[in-house]
Amino acid sequence: MKAKIHITLKAGVLDPQGKAIEGALTGLGFTGIGNVRQGKFIELEVSESDPAKARSQIEEMCQKLLANPVMENYEIEVLG
């Protein structure tokens, strides 16, 4: 079963990479750019065929390794 995981910093957490991207875009002449936030996208496959069990397994992966729950939010999309 395939899954997509979107990981973003929580609101209020400083995002230096987002600020660097914002500065670079402005430097390239793009206007009206603001509040750029940078995140991570992970695709993976698990051998579990039950969507609920797969989601639970991926949730545990996010809690233990893929995301930092103190600073980051994540969304899991399980594709059947």
PDB file of N, CA and C in Angstrom:
ATOM      1  N   MET A   1       0.843  -1.164   0.000  1.00  0.00           N
ATOM      2  CA  MET A   1       0.000   0.000   0.000  1.00  0.00           C
ATOM      3  C   MET A   1       0.896   1.237   0.000  1.00  0.00           C
ATOM      4  N   LYS A   2       0.582   2.201  -0.822  1.00  0.00           N
ATOM      5  CA  LYS A   2       1.381   3.403  -0.956  1.00  0.00           C
ATOM      6  C   LYS A   2       0.828   4.500  -0.047  1.00  0.00           C
ATOM      7  N   ALA A   3       1.736   5.330   0.474  1.00  0.00           N
ATOM      8  CA  ALA A   3       1.325   6.449   1.323  1.00  0.00           C
ATOM      9  C   ALA A   3       2.113   7.691   0.965  1.00  0.00           C
ATOM     10  N   LYS A   4       1.466   8.835   1.142  1.00  0.00           N
ATOM     11  CA  LYS A   4       2.106  10.131   0.959  1.00  0.00           C
ATOM     12  C   LYS A   4       2.016  10.865   2.289  1.00  0.00           C
ATOM     13  N   ILE A   5       3.141  11.460   2.698  1.00  0.00           N
ATOM     14  CA  ILE A   5       3.196  12.164   3.972  1.00  0.00           C
ATOM     15  C   ILE A   5       3.705  13.579   3.715  1.00  0.00           C
ATOM     16  N   HIS A   6       2.921  14.561   4.136  1.00  0.00           N
ATOM     17  CA  HIS A   6       3.301  15.966   4.031  1.00  0.00           C
ATOM     18  C   HIS A   6       3.647  16.447   5.438  1.00  0.00           C
ATOM     19  N   ILE A   7       4.856  16.985   5.598  1.00  0.00           N
ATOM     20  CA  ILE A   7       5.315  17.445   6.903  1.00  0.00           C
ATOM     21  C   ILE A   7       5.607  18.936   6.806  1.00  0.00           C
ATOM     22  N   THR A   8       5.010  19.709   7.714  1.00  0.00           N
ATOM     23  CA  THR A   8       5.222  21.156   7.743  1.00  0.00           C
ATOM     24  C   THR A   8       5.517  21.604   9.162  1.00  0.00           C
ATOM     25  N   LEU A   9       6.202  22.728   9.271  1.00  0.00           N
ATOM     26  CA  LEU A   9       6.459  23.300  10.585  1.00  0.00           C
ATOM     27  C   LEU A   9       5.165  23.858  11.163  1.00  0.00           C
ATOM     28  N   LYS A  10       5.015  23.744  12.467  1.00  0.00           N
ATOM     29  CA  LYS A  10       3.847  24.302  13.137  1.00  0.00           C
ATOM     30  C   LYS A  10       3.906  25.823  13.058  1.00  0.00           C
ATOM     31  N   ALA A  11       2.741  26.439  13.118  1.00  0.00           N
ATOM     32  CA  ALA A  11       2.658  27.902  13.119  1.00  0.00           C
ATOM     33  C   ALA A  11       3.452  28.438  14.303  1.00  0.00           C
ATOM     34  N   GLY A  12       4.178  29.496  14.076  1.00  0.00           N
ATOM     35  CA  GLY A  12       4.964  30.111  15.136  1.00  0.00           C
ATOM     36  C   GLY A  12       6.378  29.582  15.252  1.00  0.00           C
ATOM     37  N   VAL A  13       6.697  28.481  14.572  1.00  0.00           N
ATOM     38  CA  VAL A  13       8.054  27.937  14.588  1.00  0.00           C
ATOM     39  C   VAL A  13       8.855  28.650  13.504  1.00  0.00           C
ATOM     40  N   LEU A  14      10.014  29.185  13.874  1.00  0.00           N
ATOM     41  CA  LEU A  14      10.875  29.885  12.936  1.00  0.00           C
ATOM     42  C   LEU A  14      11.266  28.963  11.782  1.00  0.00           C
ATOM     43  N   ASP A  15      11.192  29.498  10.566  1.00  0.00           N
ATOM     44  CA  ASP A  15      11.501  28.722   9.364  1.00  0.00           C
ATOM     45  C   ASP A  15      12.597  29.419   8.568  1.00  0.00           C
ATOM     46  N   PRO A  16      13.875  29.211   8.926  1.00  0.00           N
ATOM     47  CA  PRO A  16      14.957  29.896   8.215  1.00  0.00           C
ATOM     48  C   PRO A  16      15.047  29.516   6.738  1.00  0.00           C
ATOM     49  N   GLN A  17      14.728  28.277   6.388  1.00  0.00           N
ATOM     50  CA  GLN A  17      14.755  27.899   4.972  1.00  0.00           C
ATOM     51  C   GLN A  17      13.665  28.627   4.193  1.00  0.00           C
ATOM     52  N   GLY A  18      12.507  28.777   4.803  1.00  0.00           N
ATOM     53  CA  GLY A  18      11.430  29.531   4.164  1.00  0.00           C
ATOM     54  C   GLY A  18      11.832  30.976   3.928  1.00  0.00           C
ATOM     55  N   LYS A  19      12.494  31.572   4.916  1.00  0.00           N
ATOM     56  CA  LYS A  19      12.967  32.952   4.777  1.00  0.00           C
ATOM     57  C   LYS A  19      14.012  33.062   3.665  1.00  0.00           C
ATOM     58  N   ALA A  20      14.907  32.072   3.571  1.00  0.00           N
ATOM     59  CA  ALA A  20      15.923  32.079   2.514  1.00  0.00           C
ATOM     60  C   ALA A  20      15.271  31.967   1.143  1.00  0.00           C
ATOM     61  N   ILE A  21      14.263  31.112   1.017  1.00  0.00           N
ATOM     62  CA  ILE A  21      13.538  30.965  -0.250  1.00  0.00           C
ATOM     63  C   ILE A  21      12.845  32.278  -0.603  1.00  0.00           C
ATOM     64  N   GLU A  22      12.208  32.877   0.390  1.00  0.00           N
ATOM     65  CA  GLU A  22      11.520  34.157   0.176  1.00  0.00           C
ATOM     66  C   GLU A  22      12.508  35.219  -0.318  1.00  0.00           C
ATOM     67  N   GLY A  23      13.675  35.301   0.317  1.00  0.00           N
ATOM     68  CA  GLY A  23      14.690  36.268  -0.102  1.00  0.00           C
ATOM     69  C   GLY A  23      15.199  35.991  -1.508  1.00  0.00           C
ATOM     70  N   ALA A  24      15.401  34.736  -1.837  1.00  0.00           N
ATOM     71  CA  ALA A  24      15.879  34.369  -3.169  1.00  0.00           C
ATOM     72  C   ALA A  24      14.846  34.712  -4.239  1.00  0.00           C
ATOM     73  N   LEU A  25      13.592  34.446  -3.957  1.00  0.00           N
ATOM     74  CA  LEU A  25      12.540  34.773  -4.928  1.00  0.00           C
ATOM     75  C   LEU A  25      12.450  36.276  -5.158  1.00  0.00           C
ATOM     76  N   THR A  26      12.555  37.039  -4.071  1.00  0.00           N
ATOM     77  CA  THR A  26      12.546  38.498  -4.190  1.00  0.00           C
ATOM     78  C   THR A  26      13.756  38.955  -4.993  1.00  0.00           C
ATOM     79  N   GLY A  27      14.923  38.355  -4.722  1.00  0.00           N
ATOM     80  CA  GLY A  27      16.136  38.692  -5.455  1.00  0.00           C
ATOM     81  C   GLY A  27      16.045  38.378  -6.944  1.00  0.00           C
ATOM     82  N   LEU A  28      15.220  37.403  -7.291  1.00  0.00           N
ATOM     83  CA  LEU A  28      15.026  37.045  -8.699  1.00  0.00           C
ATOM     84  C   LEU A  28      13.979  37.921  -9.385  1.00  0.00           C
ATOM     85  N   GLY A  29      13.437  38.872  -8.626  1.00  0.00           N
ATOM     86  CA  GLY A  29      12.495  39.812  -9.218  1.00  0.00           C
ATOM     87  C   GLY A  29      11.030  39.472  -9.021  1.00  0.00           C
ATOM     88  N   PHE A  30      10.727  38.410  -8.295  1.00  0.00           N
ATOM     89  CA  PHE A  30       9.326  38.076  -8.021  1.00  0.00           C
ATOM     90  C   PHE A  30       8.806  39.004  -6.933  1.00  0.00           C
ATOM     91  N   THR A  31       7.642  39.582  -7.169  1.00  0.00           N
ATOM     92  CA  THR A  31       7.075  40.521  -6.200  1.00  0.00           C
ATOM     93  C   THR A  31       5.838  39.917  -5.543  1.00  0.00           C
ATOM     94  N   GLY A  32       5.458  40.492  -4.425  1.00  0.00           N
ATOM     95  CA  GLY A  32       4.260  40.041  -3.724  1.00  0.00           C
ATOM     96  C   GLY A  32       4.462  38.724  -2.993  1.00  0.00           C
ATOM     97  N   ILE A  33       5.694  38.348  -2.732  1.00  0.00           N
ATOM     98  CA  ILE A  33       6.005  37.092  -2.047  1.00  0.00           C
ATOM     99  C   ILE A  33       6.073  37.367  -0.548  1.00  0.00           C
ATOM    100  N   GLY A  34       5.472  36.505   0.242  1.00  0.00           N
ATOM    101  CA  GLY A  34       5.553  36.678   1.686  1.00  0.00           C
ATOM    102  C   GLY A  34       5.179  35.411   2.428  1.00  0.00           C
ATOM    103  N   ASN A  35       5.659  35.304   3.637  1.00  0.00           N
ATOM    104  CA  ASN A  35       5.327  34.203   4.537  1.00  0.00           C
ATOM    105  C   ASN A  35       5.575  32.831   3.903  1.00  0.00           C
ATOM    106  N   VAL A  36       6.747  32.659   3.312  1.00  0.00           N
ATOM    107  CA  VAL A  36       7.108  31.388   2.678  1.00  0.00           C
ATOM    108  C   VAL A  36       7.456  30.379   3.766  1.00  0.00           C
ATOM    109  N   ARG A  37       6.860  29.197   3.687  1.00  0.00           N
ATOM    110  CA  ARG A  37       7.136  28.111   4.622  1.00  0.00           C
ATOM    111  C   ARG A  37       7.595  26.914   3.801  1.00  0.00           C
ATOM    112  N   GLN A  38       8.603  26.224   4.290  1.00  0.00           N
ATOM    113  CA  GLN A  38       9.172  25.086   3.595  1.00  0.00           C
ATOM    114  C   GLN A  38       8.836  23.828   4.392  1.00  0.00           C
ATOM    115  N   GLY A  39       8.623  22.711   3.691  1.00  0.00           N
ATOM    116  CA  GLY A  39       8.284  21.460   4.372  1.00  0.00           C
ATOM    117  C   GLY A  39       8.930  20.266   3.693  1.00  0.00           C
ATOM    118  N   LYS A  40       8.445  19.083   4.050  1.00  0.00           N
ATOM    119  CA  LYS A  40       8.969  17.833   3.482  1.00  0.00           C
ATOM    120  C   LYS A  40       7.807  17.021   2.910  1.00  0.00           C
ATOM    121  N   PHE A  41       8.122  16.226   1.909  1.00  0.00           N
ATOM    122  CA  PHE A  41       7.153  15.320   1.311  1.00  0.00           C
ATOM    123  C   PHE A  41       7.817  13.953   1.214  1.00  0.00           C
ATOM    124  N   ILE A  42       7.159  12.943   1.757  1.00  0.00           N
ATOM    125  CA  ILE A  42       7.711  11.586   1.754  1.00  0.00           C
ATOM    126  C   ILE A  42       6.682  10.645   1.143  1.00  0.00           C
ATOM    127  N   GLU A  43       7.125   9.805   0.216  1.00  0.00           N
ATOM    128  CA  GLU A  43       6.297   8.730  -0.343  1.00  0.00           C
ATOM    129  C   GLU A  43       6.922   7.419   0.087  1.00  0.00           C
ATOM    130  N   LEU A  44       6.085   6.489   0.511  1.00  0.00           N
ATOM    131  CA  LEU A  44       6.603   5.173   0.867  1.00  0.00           C
ATOM    132  C   LEU A  44       5.547   4.115   0.616  1.00  0.00           C
ATOM    133  N   GLU A  45       5.984   2.872   0.611  1.00  0.00           N
ATOM    134  CA  GLU A  45       5.079   1.741   0.463  1.00  0.00           C
ATOM    135  C   GLU A  45       5.246   0.834   1.660  1.00  0.00           C
ATOM    136  N   VAL A  46       4.119   0.331   2.142  1.00  0.00           N
ATOM    137  CA  VAL A  46       4.120  -0.650   3.224  1.00  0.00           C
ATOM    138  C   VAL A  46       3.424  -1.907   2.709  1.00  0.00           C
ATOM    139  N   SER A  47       3.797  -3.030   3.254  1.00  0.00           N
ATOM    140  CA  SER A  47       3.232  -4.293   2.767  1.00  0.00           C
ATOM    141  C   SER A  47       1.835  -4.566   3.340  1.00  0.00           C
ATOM    142  N   GLU A  48       1.442  -3.812   4.337  1.00  0.00           N
ATOM    143  CA  GLU A  48       0.119  -3.999   4.959  1.00  0.00           C
ATOM    144  C   GLU A  48      -0.983  -3.725   3.942  1.00  0.00           C
ATOM    145  N   SER A  49      -1.988  -4.605   3.869  1.00  0.00           N
ATOM    146  CA  SER A  49      -3.078  -4.428   2.901  1.00  0.00           C
ATOM    147  C   SER A  49      -4.320  -3.788   3.513  1.00  0.00           C
ATOM    148  N   ASP A  50      -4.430  -3.787   4.826  1.00  0.00           N
ATOM    149  CA  ASP A  50      -5.557  -3.154   5.516  1.00  0.00           C
ATOM    150  C   ASP A  50      -5.254  -1.666   5.681  1.00  0.00           C
ATOM    151  N   PRO A  51      -6.079  -0.773   5.088  1.00  0.00           N
ATOM    152  CA  PRO A  51      -5.801   0.665   5.149  1.00  0.00           C
ATOM    153  C   PRO A  51      -5.695   1.214   6.579  1.00  0.00           C
ATOM    154  N   ALA A  52      -6.527   0.751   7.480  1.00  0.00           N
ATOM    155  CA  ALA A  52      -6.484   1.237   8.865  1.00  0.00           C
ATOM    156  C   ALA A  52      -5.180   0.824   9.548  1.00  0.00           C
ATOM    157  N   LYS A  53      -4.762  -0.406   9.325  1.00  0.00           N
ATOM    158  CA  LYS A  53      -3.506  -0.879   9.918  1.00  0.00           C
ATOM    159  C   LYS A  53      -2.311  -0.168   9.287  1.00  0.00           C
ATOM    160  N   ALA A  54      -2.378   0.070   7.978  1.00  0.00           N
ATOM    161  CA  ALA A  54      -1.302   0.780   7.292  1.00  0.00           C
ATOM    162  C   ALA A  54      -1.179   2.188   7.846  1.00  0.00           C
ATOM    163  N   ARG A  55      -2.312   2.871   8.013  1.00  0.00           N
ATOM    164  CA  ARG A  55      -2.306   4.228   8.563  1.00  0.00           C
ATOM    165  C   ARG A  55      -1.712   4.238   9.964  1.00  0.00           C
ATOM    166  N   SER A  56      -2.090   3.276  10.764  1.00  0.00           N
ATOM    167  CA  SER A  56      -1.572   3.185  12.132  1.00  0.00           C
ATOM    168  C   SER A  56      -0.057   2.985  12.127  1.00  0.00           C
ATOM    169  N   GLN A  57       0.421   2.130  11.243  1.00  0.00           N
ATOM    170  CA  GLN A  57       1.853   1.859  11.132  1.00  0.00           C
ATOM    171  C   GLN A  57       2.604   3.122  10.693  1.00  0.00           C
ATOM    172  N   ILE A  58       2.050   3.835   9.727  1.00  0.00           N
ATOM    173  CA  ILE A  58       2.691   5.048   9.223  1.00  0.00           C
ATOM    174  C   ILE A  58       2.636   6.152  10.271  1.00  0.00           C
ATOM    175  N   GLU A  59       1.550   6.228  11.008  1.00  0.00           N
ATOM    176  CA  GLU A  59       1.433   7.186  12.112  1.00  0.00           C
ATOM    177  C   GLU A  59       2.568   6.964  13.112  1.00  0.00           C
ATOM    178  N   GLU A  60       2.831   5.708  13.436  1.00  0.00           N
ATOM    179  CA  GLU A  60       3.912   5.383  14.365  1.00  0.00           C
ATOM    180  C   GLU A  60       5.272   5.787  13.776  1.00  0.00           C
ATOM    181  N   MET A  61       5.458   5.571  12.474  1.00  0.00           N
ATOM    182  CA  MET A  61       6.700   5.983  11.813  1.00  0.00           C
ATOM    183  C   MET A  61       6.906   7.495  11.931  1.00  0.00           C
ATOM    184  N   CYS A  62       5.825   8.235  11.731  1.00  0.00           N
ATOM    185  CA  CYS A  62       5.904   9.696  11.823  1.00  0.00           C
ATOM    186  C   CYS A  62       6.255  10.137  13.237  1.00  0.00           C
ATOM    187  N   GLN A  63       5.614   9.519  14.226  1.00  0.00           N
ATOM    188  CA  GLN A  63       5.855   9.875  15.622  1.00  0.00           C
ATOM    189  C   GLN A  63       7.287   9.555  16.058  1.00  0.00           C
ATOM    190  N   LYS A  64       7.832   8.459  15.555  1.00  0.00           N
ATOM    191  CA  LYS A  64       9.148   7.994  16.015  1.00  0.00           C
ATOM    192  C   LYS A  64      10.329   8.506  15.187  1.00  0.00           C
ATOM    193  N   LEU A  65      10.111   8.809  13.892  1.00  0.00           N
ATOM    194  CA  LEU A  65      11.254   9.149  13.051  1.00  0.00           C
ATOM    195  C   LEU A  65      10.997  10.233  12.009  1.00  0.00           C
ATOM    196  N   LEU A  66       9.936  10.107  11.245  1.00  0.00           N
ATOM    197  CA  LEU A  66       9.773  10.954  10.068  1.00  0.00           C
ATOM    198  C   LEU A  66       9.489  12.416  10.379  1.00  0.00           C
ATOM    199  N   ALA A  67       8.820  12.690  11.480  1.00  0.00           N
ATOM    200  CA  ALA A  67       8.479  14.062  11.852  1.00  0.00           C
ATOM    201  C   ALA A  67       8.875  14.308  13.305  1.00  0.00           C
ATOM    202  N   ASN A  68       9.041  15.565  13.629  1.00  0.00           N
ATOM    203  CA  ASN A  68       9.269  15.968  15.011  1.00  0.00           C
ATOM    204  C   ASN A  68       7.957  16.543  15.524  1.00  0.00           C
ATOM    205  N   PRO A  69       7.163  15.756  16.263  1.00  0.00           N
ATOM    206  CA  PRO A  69       5.832  16.199  16.680  1.00  0.00           C
ATOM    207  C   PRO A  69       5.823  17.467  17.532  1.00  0.00           C
ATOM    208  N   VAL A  70       6.950  17.824  18.120  1.00  0.00           N
ATOM    209  CA  VAL A  70       7.023  19.050  18.918  1.00  0.00           C
ATOM    210  C   VAL A  70       6.992  20.272  18.001  1.00  0.00           C
ATOM    211  N   MET A  71       7.639  20.177  16.844  1.00  0.00           N
ATOM    212  CA  MET A  71       7.784  21.327  15.946  1.00  0.00           C
ATOM    213  C   MET A  71       7.029  21.197  14.631  1.00  0.00           C
ATOM    214  N   GLU A  72       6.606  19.980  14.286  1.00  0.00           N
ATOM    215  CA  GLU A  72       6.039  19.759  12.964  1.00  0.00           C
ATOM    216  C   GLU A  72       4.653  19.117  13.017  1.00  0.00           C
ATOM    217  N   ASN A  73       3.852  19.467  12.027  1.00  0.00           N
ATOM    218  CA  ASN A  73       2.575  18.796  11.768  1.00  0.00           C
ATOM    219  C   ASN A  73       2.792  17.861  10.587  1.00  0.00           C
ATOM    220  N   TYR A  74       1.972  16.833  10.489  1.00  0.00           N
ATOM    221  CA  TYR A  74       2.053  15.962   9.318  1.00  0.00           C
ATOM    222  C   TYR A  74       0.657  15.479   8.946  1.00  0.00           C
ATOM    223  N   GLU A  75       0.513  15.227   7.653  1.00  0.00           N
ATOM    224  CA  GLU A  75      -0.728  14.679   7.104  1.00  0.00           C
ATOM    225  C   GLU A  75      -0.368  13.418   6.333  1.00  0.00           C
ATOM    226  N   ILE A  76      -1.141  12.375   6.577  1.00  0.00           N
ATOM    227  CA  ILE A  76      -0.907  11.076   5.926  1.00  0.00           C
ATOM    228  C   ILE A  76      -2.038  10.821   4.945  1.00  0.00           C
ATOM    229  N   GLU A  77      -1.665  10.441   3.731  1.00  0.00           N
ATOM    230  CA  GLU A  77      -2.646  10.030   2.719  1.00  0.00           C
ATOM    231  C   GLU A  77      -2.287   8.601   2.317  1.00  0.00           C
ATOM    232  N   VAL A  78      -3.181   7.671   2.640  1.00  0.00           N
ATOM    233  CA  VAL A  78      -2.969   6.261   2.279  1.00  0.00           C
ATOM    234  C   VAL A  78      -3.716   6.003   0.988  1.00  0.00           C
ATOM    235  N   LEU A  79      -3.006   5.484  -0.004  1.00  0.00           N
ATOM    236  CA  LEU A  79      -3.592   5.217  -1.312  1.00  0.00           C
ATOM    237  C   LEU A  79      -3.794   3.723  -1.474  1.00  0.00           C
ATOM    238  N   GLY A  80      -5.028   3.305  -1.671  1.00  0.00           N
ATOM    239  CA  GLY A  80      -5.354   1.885  -1.756  1.00  0.00           C
ATOM    240  C   GLY A  80      -5.035   1.327  -3.030  1.00  0.00           C
TER     241      GLY A  80
END
